[in-house]
C-alpha atoms as a PDB file:
ATOM      1  CA  MET A   1     -18.168  11.536  -4.932  1.00  0.00           C
ATOM      2  CA  ARG A   2     -15.767  11.549  -2.007  1.00  0.00           C
ATOM      3  CA  ILE A   3     -12.397  10.260  -3.047  1.00  0.00           C
ATOM      4  CA  LEU A   4      -9.356   9.687  -0.737  1.00  0.00           C
ATOM      5  CA  ILE A   5      -6.083   9.298  -2.544  1.00  0.00           C
ATOM      6  CA  ALA A   6      -3.611   7.433  -0.323  1.00  0.00           C
ATOM      7  CA  SER A   7      -0.041   7.760  -1.571  1.00  0.00           C
ATOM      8  CA  SER A   8       3.507   7.710  -0.123  1.00  0.00           C
ATOM      9  CA  GLU A   9       4.331  10.806  -2.188  1.00  0.00           C
ATOM     10  CA  ALA A  10       2.559  13.479  -4.272  1.00  0.00           C
ATOM     11  CA  VAL A  11       3.431  16.773  -5.808  1.00  0.00           C
ATOM     12  CA  PRO A  12       3.691  19.532  -4.780  1.00  0.00           C
ATOM     13  CA  TYR A  13       4.478  18.177  -1.333  1.00  0.00           C
ATOM     14  CA  ILE A  14       7.073  15.508  -1.840  1.00  0.00           C
ATOM     15  CA  LYS A  15       8.524  13.638  -4.814  1.00  0.00           C
ATOM     16  CA  THR A  16      11.071  10.921  -5.697  1.00  0.00           C
ATOM     17  CA  GLY A  17       9.456   9.703  -8.898  1.00  0.00           C
ATOM     18  CA  GLY A  18       6.460   9.422 -11.209  1.00  0.00           C
ATOM     19  CA  LEU A  19       4.111   8.273  -8.439  1.00  0.00           C
ATOM     20  CA  ALA A  20       4.188  11.767  -7.005  1.00  0.00           C
ATOM     21  CA  ASP A  21       3.346  13.294 -10.353  1.00  0.00           C
ATOM     22  CA  VAL A  22       0.394  11.030 -10.958  1.00  0.00           C
ATOM     23  CA  ALA A  23      -1.089  11.374  -7.470  1.00  0.00           C
ATOM     24  CA  GLY A  24      -0.764  15.132  -7.369  1.00  0.00           C
ATOM     25  CA  SER A  25      -2.070  15.595 -10.918  1.00  0.00           C
ATOM     26  CA  LEU A  26      -5.040  13.294 -10.273  1.00  0.00           C
ATOM     27  CA  LEU A  27      -6.026  15.290  -7.215  1.00  0.00           C
ATOM     28  CA  LYS A  28      -5.938  18.514  -9.155  1.00  0.00           C
ATOM     29  CA  GLU A  29      -8.083  17.132 -11.933  1.00  0.00           C
ATOM     30  CA  LEU A  30     -10.664  15.598  -9.607  1.00  0.00           C
ATOM     31  CA  ARG A  31     -11.078  18.844  -7.748  1.00  0.00           C
ATOM     32  CA  LYS A  32     -11.454  20.743 -11.014  1.00  0.00           C
ATOM     33  CA  LYS A  33     -14.392  18.400 -11.697  1.00  0.00           C
ATOM     34  CA  HIS A  34     -15.750  19.379  -8.223  1.00  0.00           C
ATOM     35  CA  GLU A  35     -15.260  15.994  -6.745  1.00  0.00           C
ATOM     36  CA  LYS A  36     -14.602  15.874  -3.068  1.00  0.00           C
ATOM     37  CA  ALA A  37     -11.081  14.584  -3.423  1.00  0.00           C
ATOM     38  CA  PHE A  38      -8.162  14.790  -1.005  1.00  0.00           C
ATOM     39  CA  LEU A  39      -4.728  13.306  -0.401  1.00  0.00           C
ATOM     40  CA  VAL A  40      -3.431  11.477   2.633  1.00  0.00           C
ATOM     41  CA  LEU A  41       0.404  11.360   2.981  1.00  0.00           C
ATOM     42  CA  PRO A  42       2.963  10.586   5.665  1.00  0.00           C
ATOM     43  CA  LEU A  43       4.325  13.826   7.196  1.00  0.00           C
ATOM     44  CA  TYR A  44       7.952  13.577   6.209  1.00  0.00           C
ATOM     45  CA  ALA A  45      10.538  15.933   7.614  1.00  0.00           C
ATOM     46  CA  ALA A  46      10.971  17.630   4.262  1.00  0.00           C
ATOM     47  CA  VAL A  47       7.250  18.392   4.044  1.00  0.00           C
ATOM     48  CA  LYS A  48       7.130  19.686   7.604  1.00  0.00           C
ATOM     49  CA  ASN A  49      10.120  22.009   6.928  1.00  0.00           C
ATOM     50  CA  THR A  50       8.714  23.321   3.675  1.00  0.00           C
ATOM     51  CA  PHE A  51       4.899  23.720   4.004  1.00  0.00           C
ATOM     52  CA  LYS A  52       2.828  25.505   6.547  1.00  0.00           C
ATOM     53  CA  LEU A  53       0.429  22.890   7.920  1.00  0.00           C
ATOM     54  CA  TYR A  54      -2.339  23.017  10.502  1.00  0.00           C
ATOM     55  CA  ALA A  55      -2.848  20.656  13.400  1.00  0.00           C
ATOM     56  CA  THR A  56      -6.352  19.227  13.431  1.00  0.00           C
ATOM     57  CA  GLY A  57      -6.059  18.217  17.088  1.00  0.00           C
ATOM     58  CA  LYS A  58      -6.947  14.647  16.123  1.00  0.00           C
ATOM     59  CA  THR A  59      -4.661  11.685  16.766  1.00  0.00           C
ATOM     60  CA  ILE A  60      -4.660   7.990  15.911  1.00  0.00           C
ATOM     61  CA  LEU A  61      -3.308   4.893  17.487  1.00  0.00           C
ATOM     62  CA  ALA A  62      -2.302   1.644  15.818  1.00  0.00           C
ATOM     63  CA  ARG A  63      -0.992  -1.538  17.368  1.00  0.00           C
ATOM     64  CA  MET A  64       1.986  -2.871  15.421  1.00  0.00           C
ATOM     65  CA  GLY A  65       3.084  -6.147  16.863  1.00  0.00           C
ATOM     66  CA  ASN A  66       4.015  -5.493  20.465  1.00  0.00           C
ATOM     67  CA  VAL A  67       4.205  -1.719  20.099  1.00  0.00           C
ATOM     68  CA  THR A  68       1.482   0.912  19.713  1.00  0.00           C
ATOM     69  CA  TYR A  69       2.325   3.849  17.432  1.00  0.00           C
ATOM     70  CA  ARG A  70       0.681   7.230  17.699  1.00  0.00           C
ATOM     71  CA  GLY A  71       0.050   9.552  14.805  1.00  0.00           C
ATOM     72  CA  SER A  72      -1.097  13.202  14.789  1.00  0.00           C
ATOM     73  CA  ILE A  73      -3.161  14.507  11.922  1.00  0.00           C
ATOM     74  CA  PHE A  74      -2.330  17.694  10.093  1.00  0.00           C
ATOM     75  CA  ALA A  75      -4.097  19.433   7.226  1.00  0.00           C
ATOM     76  CA  SER A  76      -2.869  21.568   4.317  1.00  0.00           C
ATOM     77  CA  SER A  77      -5.294  24.358   5.267  1.00  0.00           C
ATOM     78  CA  LYS A  78      -7.901  25.410   7.778  1.00  0.00           C
ATOM     79  CA  ASP A  79     -10.671  24.914   5.260  1.00  0.00           C
ATOM     80  CA  GLU A  80     -13.481  22.482   5.924  1.00  0.00           C
ATOM     81  CA  SER A  81     -12.238  20.469   2.972  1.00  0.00           C
ATOM     82  CA  PRO A  82      -8.424  20.761   2.729  1.00  0.00           C
ATOM     83  CA  GLU A  83      -6.714  19.137  -0.242  1.00  0.00           C
ATOM     84  CA  ALA A  84      -4.367  17.131   1.826  1.00  0.00           C
ATOM     85  CA  TYR A  85      -3.965  15.519   5.217  1.00  0.00           C
ATOM     86  CA  PHE A  86      -0.733  14.304   6.756  1.00  0.00           C
ATOM     87  CA  ILE A  87       0.072  11.607   9.365  1.00  0.00           C
ATOM     88  CA  GLU A  88       2.828  12.824  11.730  1.00  0.00           C
ATOM     89  CA  CYS A  89       4.859  10.166  13.396  1.00  0.00           C
ATOM     90  CA  ASP A  90       8.452  11.460  13.710  1.00  0.00           C
ATOM     91  CA  GLU A  91       9.694   8.044  14.828  1.00  0.00           C
ATOM     92  CA  LEU A  92       8.777   6.687  11.373  1.00  0.00           C
ATOM     93  CA  TYR A  93       8.768   9.640   9.044  1.00  0.00           C
ATOM     94  CA  GLY A  94      10.957  12.323  10.554  1.00  0.00           C
ATOM     95  CA  ARG A  95      13.986  11.388   8.442  1.00  0.00           C
ATOM     96  CA  SER A  96      16.154  13.044   5.725  1.00  0.00           C
ATOM     97  CA  GLU A  97      14.815  10.823   2.930  1.00  0.00           C
ATOM     98  CA  LEU A  98      11.577   9.071   2.126  1.00  0.00           C
ATOM     99  CA  TYR A  99      12.600   5.399   1.641  1.00  0.00           C
ATOM    100  CA  GLY A 100      16.275   5.171   2.405  1.00  0.00           C
ATOM    101  CA  THR A 101      19.746   6.662   2.086  1.00  0.00           C
ATOM    102  CA  PRO A 102      22.473   5.994  -0.542  1.00  0.00           C
ATOM    103  CA  ALA A 103      23.532   3.118   1.824  1.00  0.00           C
ATOM    104  CA  GLY A 104      20.210   1.332   1.230  1.00  0.00           C
ATOM    105  CA  ASP A 105      16.507   1.201   2.157  1.00  0.00           C
ATOM    106  CA  TYR A 106      15.453   1.961   5.720  1.00  0.00           C
ATOM    107  CA  PRO A 107      15.303  -1.382   7.499  1.00  0.00           C
ATOM    108  CA  ASP A 108      11.926  -0.595   9.033  1.00  0.00           C
ATOM    109  CA  ASN A 109      10.163   0.365   5.770  1.00  0.00           C
ATOM    110  CA  ALA A 110       7.684  -2.442   6.201  1.00  0.00           C
ATOM    111  CA  LEU A 111       6.694  -1.115   9.609  1.00  0.00           C
ATOM    112  CA  ARG A 112       6.563   2.448   8.310  1.00  0.00           C
ATOM    113  CA  PHE A 113       4.071   1.746   5.583  1.00  0.00           C
ATOM    114  CA  ILE A 114       2.042  -0.911   7.294  1.00  0.00           C
ATOM    115  CA  PHE A 115       1.437   1.761   9.877  1.00  0.00           C
ATOM    116  CA  PHE A 116       0.529   4.257   7.173  1.00  0.00           C
ATOM    117  CA  SER A 117      -2.047   1.847   5.690  1.00  0.00           C
ATOM    118  CA  ARG A 118      -3.651   1.553   9.099  1.00  0.00           C
ATOM    119  CA  ALA A 119      -3.370   5.312   9.587  1.00  0.00           C
ATOM    120  CA  VAL A 120      -5.284   6.008   6.368  1.00  0.00           C
ATOM    121  CA  LEU A 121      -8.339   4.239   7.710  1.00  0.00           C
ATOM    122  CA  GLU A 122      -7.972   5.487  11.252  1.00  0.00           C
ATOM    123  CA  LEU A 123      -7.806   9.034   9.855  1.00  0.00           C
ATOM    124  CA  CYS A 124     -11.213   8.522   8.195  1.00  0.00           C
ATOM    125  CA  LEU A 125     -12.653   7.528  11.558  1.00  0.00           C
ATOM    126  CA  ALA A 126     -10.917  10.324  13.466  1.00  0.00           C
ATOM    127  CA  ILE A 127     -12.004  13.237  11.231  1.00  0.00           C
ATOM    128  CA  ARG A 128     -15.311  11.654  10.301  1.00  0.00           C
ATOM    129  CA  ILE A 129     -14.764  11.241   6.538  1.00  0.00           C
ATOM    130  CA  LYS A 130     -16.728   8.581   4.725  1.00  0.00           C
ATOM    131  CA  PRO A 131     -14.900   7.984   1.390  1.00  0.00           C
ATOM    132  CA  ASP A 132     -16.794   6.438  -1.393  1.00  0.00           C
ATOM    133  CA  VAL A 133     -13.454   5.303  -2.798  1.00  0.00           C
ATOM    134  CA  ILE A 134      -9.968   4.958  -1.379  1.00  0.00           C
ATOM    135  CA  HIS A 135      -7.438   5.135  -4.223  1.00  0.00           C
ATOM    136  CA  CYS A 136      -4.345   3.238  -3.091  1.00  0.00           C
ATOM    137  CA  ASN A 137      -0.999   3.490  -4.926  1.00  0.00           C
ATOM    138  CA  ASP A 138       1.793   0.913  -5.067  1.00  0.00           C
ATOM    139  CA  TRP A 139       2.927  -1.347  -2.210  1.00  0.00           C
ATOM    140  CA  GLN A 140       3.126   1.415   0.387  1.00  0.00           C
ATOM    141  CA  THR A 141      -0.721   1.573   0.628  1.00  0.00           C
ATOM    142  CA  ALA A 142      -1.608  -1.899  -0.716  1.00  0.00           C
ATOM    143  CA  LEU A 143      -2.822  -3.221   2.639  1.00  0.00           C
ATOM    144  CA  VAL A 144      -5.712  -0.735   2.729  1.00  0.00           C
ATOM    145  CA  PRO A 145      -8.039  -2.877   0.493  1.00  0.00           C
ATOM    146  CA  LEU A 146      -7.319  -5.891   2.599  1.00  0.00           C
ATOM    147  CA  TYR A 147      -7.897  -4.051   5.879  1.00  0.00           C
ATOM    148  CA  LEU A 148     -11.283  -2.857   4.545  1.00  0.00           C
ATOM    149  CA  LYS A 149     -12.243  -6.482   4.108  1.00  0.00           C
ATOM    150  CA  THR A 150     -10.796  -7.785   7.429  1.00  0.00           C
ATOM    151  CA  LEU A 151      -9.896  -5.536  10.388  1.00  0.00           C
ATOM    152  CA  TYR A 152     -12.436  -2.883   9.403  1.00  0.00           C
ATOM    153  CA  LYS A 153     -15.129  -5.027   7.782  1.00  0.00           C
ATOM    154  CA  ASP A 154     -17.546  -4.546  10.676  1.00  0.00           C
ATOM    155  CA  ASN A 155     -17.006  -0.818  10.972  1.00  0.00           C
ATOM    156  CA  VAL A 156     -20.272   0.782   9.809  1.00  0.00           C
ATOM    157  CA  TYR A 157     -18.504   4.075   9.092  1.00  0.00           C
ATOM    158  CA  LEU A 158     -16.468   2.355   6.264  1.00  0.00           C
ATOM    159  CA  ALA A 159     -19.080  -0.162   5.282  1.00  0.00           C
ATOM    160  CA  LYS A 160     -19.760   1.496   1.840  1.00  0.00           C
ATOM    161  CA  THR A 161     -16.142   2.354   1.007  1.00  0.00           C
ATOM    162  CA  SER A 162     -14.638   0.736  -2.030  1.00  0.00           C
ATOM    163  CA  SER A 163     -11.009   0.459  -3.014  1.00  0.00           C
ATOM    164  CA  LEU A 164      -8.993   1.135  -6.160  1.00  0.00           C
ATOM    165  CA  PHE A 165      -5.382  -0.085  -6.404  1.00  0.00           C
ATOM    166  CA  THR A 166      -3.066   1.441  -9.026  1.00  0.00           C
ATOM    167  CA  VAL A 167       0.235  -0.197  -9.995  1.00  0.00           C
ATOM    168  CA  HIS A 168       2.831   2.400 -10.861  1.00  0.00           C
ATOM    169  CA  ASN A 169       5.958   0.254 -10.626  1.00  0.00           C
ATOM    170  CA  LEU A 170       5.702  -3.549 -10.431  1.00  0.00           C
ATOM    171  CA  GLY A 171       9.441  -3.721  -9.849  1.00  0.00           C
ATOM    172  CA  TYR A 172       8.925  -2.664  -6.268  1.00  0.00           C
ATOM    173  CA  GLN A 173       6.455  -4.897  -4.521  1.00  0.00           C
ATOM    174  CA  GLY A 174       7.198  -4.471  -0.834  1.00  0.00           C
ATOM    175  CA  ILE A 175       8.723  -7.911  -0.207  1.00  0.00           C
ATOM    176  CA  PHE A 176       9.827  -8.500   3.385  1.00  0.00           C
ATOM    177  CA  ASP A 177      10.630 -11.282   5.809  1.00  0.00           C
ATOM    178  CA  ALA A 178       7.720 -13.522   6.881  1.00  0.00           C
ATOM    179  CA  SER A 179       7.998 -12.210  10.442  1.00  0.00           C
ATOM    180  CA  THR A 180       6.710  -8.869   9.117  1.00  0.00           C
ATOM    181  CA  LEU A 181       3.195 -10.390   9.188  1.00  0.00           C
ATOM    182  CA  LEU A 182       3.193  -9.660  12.905  1.00  0.00           C
ATOM    183  CA  PHE A 183       3.029  -5.943  12.259  1.00  0.00           C
ATOM    184  CA  THR A 184      -0.068  -6.210  10.028  1.00  0.00           C
ATOM    185  CA  GLY A 185      -2.415  -7.499  12.705  1.00  0.00           C
ATOM    186  CA  LEU A 186      -3.534 -10.239  10.324  1.00  0.00           C
ATOM    187  CA  GLY A 187      -3.682 -13.941  11.144  1.00  0.00           C
ATOM    188  CA  GLY A 188      -1.392 -16.666   9.822  1.00  0.00           C
ATOM    189  CA  GLU A 189      -4.050 -17.714   7.308  1.00  0.00           C
ATOM    190  CA  TYR A 190      -2.981 -14.756   5.167  1.00  0.00           C
ATOM    191  CA  PHE A 191       0.536 -16.163   4.798  1.00  0.00           C
ATOM    192  CA  ARG A 192      -0.333 -18.496   1.997  1.00  0.00           C
ATOM    193  CA  PRO A 193       0.469 -18.437  -1.715  1.00  0.00           C
ATOM    194  CA  GLU A 194      -3.215 -17.616  -2.358  1.00  0.00           C
ATOM    195  CA  SER A 195      -2.800 -14.520  -0.237  1.00  0.00           C
ATOM    196  CA  LEU A 196       0.318 -12.580   0.837  1.00  0.00           C
ATOM    197  CA  GLU A 197       2.991 -15.220   0.862  1.00  0.00           C
ATOM    198  CA  PHE A 198       5.536 -15.076  -1.991  1.00  0.00           C
ATOM    199  CA  TYR A 199       8.381 -17.607  -2.023  1.00  0.00           C
ATOM    200  CA  GLY A 200       8.639 -17.641   1.722  1.00  0.00           C
ATOM    201  CA  LYS A 201       8.372 -13.871   2.049  1.00  0.00           C
ATOM    202  CA  LEU A 202       5.530 -11.396   2.683  1.00  0.00           C
ATOM    203  CA  ASN A 203       4.558  -9.484  -0.431  1.00  0.00           C
ATOM    204  CA  LEU A 204       2.550  -6.348   0.404  1.00  0.00           C
ATOM    205  CA  MET A 205       1.667  -5.452  -3.164  1.00  0.00           C
ATOM    206  CA  LYS A 206      -0.289  -8.705  -3.345  1.00  0.00           C
ATOM    207  CA  ALA A 207      -2.738  -7.287  -0.855  1.00  0.00           C
ATOM    208  CA  GLY A 208      -3.711  -4.617  -3.333  1.00  0.00           C
ATOM    209  CA  LEU A 209      -3.781  -6.952  -6.389  1.00  0.00           C
ATOM    210  CA  LEU A 210      -5.887  -9.567  -4.635  1.00  0.00           C
ATOM    211  CA  TYR A 211      -8.228  -7.623  -2.422  1.00  0.00           C
ATOM    212  CA  ALA A 212      -8.890  -4.288  -4.074  1.00  0.00           C
ATOM    213  CA  ASP A 213     -12.340  -3.869  -5.689  1.00  0.00           C
ATOM    214  CA  LEU A 214     -10.725  -2.502  -8.846  1.00  0.00           C
ATOM    215  CA  ILE A 215      -7.136  -2.603 -10.188  1.00  0.00           C
ATOM    216  CA  ASN A 216      -5.534  -0.362 -12.808  1.00  0.00           C
ATOM    217  CA  THR A 217      -2.110   0.842 -13.925  1.00  0.00           C
ATOM    218  CA  VAL A 218      -0.817   4.248 -14.995  1.00  0.00           C
ATOM    219  CA  SER A 219      -1.330   3.478 -18.712  1.00  0.00           C
ATOM    220  CA  ASP A 220      -2.642   0.920 -21.106  1.00  0.00           C
ATOM    221  CA  THR A 221       0.887   0.356 -22.337  1.00  0.00           C
ATOM    222  CA  TYR A 222       2.189  -0.411 -18.864  1.00  0.00           C
ATOM    223  CA  ALA A 223      -0.790  -2.727 -18.281  1.00  0.00           C
ATOM    224  CA  HIS A 224       0.272  -4.851 -21.252  1.00  0.00           C
ATOM    225  CA  GLU A 225       3.936  -4.788 -20.334  1.00  0.00           C
ATOM    226  CA  ILE A 226       3.445  -6.213 -16.926  1.00  0.00           C
ATOM    227  CA  GLN A 227       1.076  -9.035 -17.812  1.00  0.00           C
ATOM    228  CA  VAL A 228       2.553 -12.512 -17.855  1.00  0.00           C
ATOM    229  CA  ARG A 229       2.377 -14.057 -21.262  1.00  0.00           C
ATOM    230  CA  SER A 230       2.467 -17.769 -21.814  1.00  0.00           C
END
């Protein structure tokens, strides 16, 4: 099985919390079982300055509102099946921290990770990978399942790709101003309570919860903790 793990962080490359541990450990275990698994991560400045990476020569373009962003694809090795790919876009990821500074979150975090969700799928097309499953993690990659069912639904290359969405921390749902919908490329019909609207805001985690083919959490205990009880 070919499994793409899309995450905003993963050990040993970059870490701020438990998400990185889970994503990195899962990759290791899947590859031990001889599954064709690999990571896709943003190419943060800290990763670029620490690891030797290899340019694939492939690039992607994604229209975000009125601006088109370009990303270059790097790999962790020159092998035919590297364990990780990275999306380079210094305008979005070439910063000292992942999500913000002590002064607060980066004000363009919505744009940064909406682009990353698009980049995950564009990477599959650019390097000709047909994942059986894309494993998405937390709000930073939650749009991928929705994109598979909308913007990419007629793409024959991804027609058989399923999505899994894992909740690591329900406390961070990627909630942004309604105007953020413009960056997603989705129509206004998705700004409804039945979809991505949440008390007048855009909730990116809802995309994963509502549109993924399968949902899980990091543990049975956490699954019970986050369920709403009447």
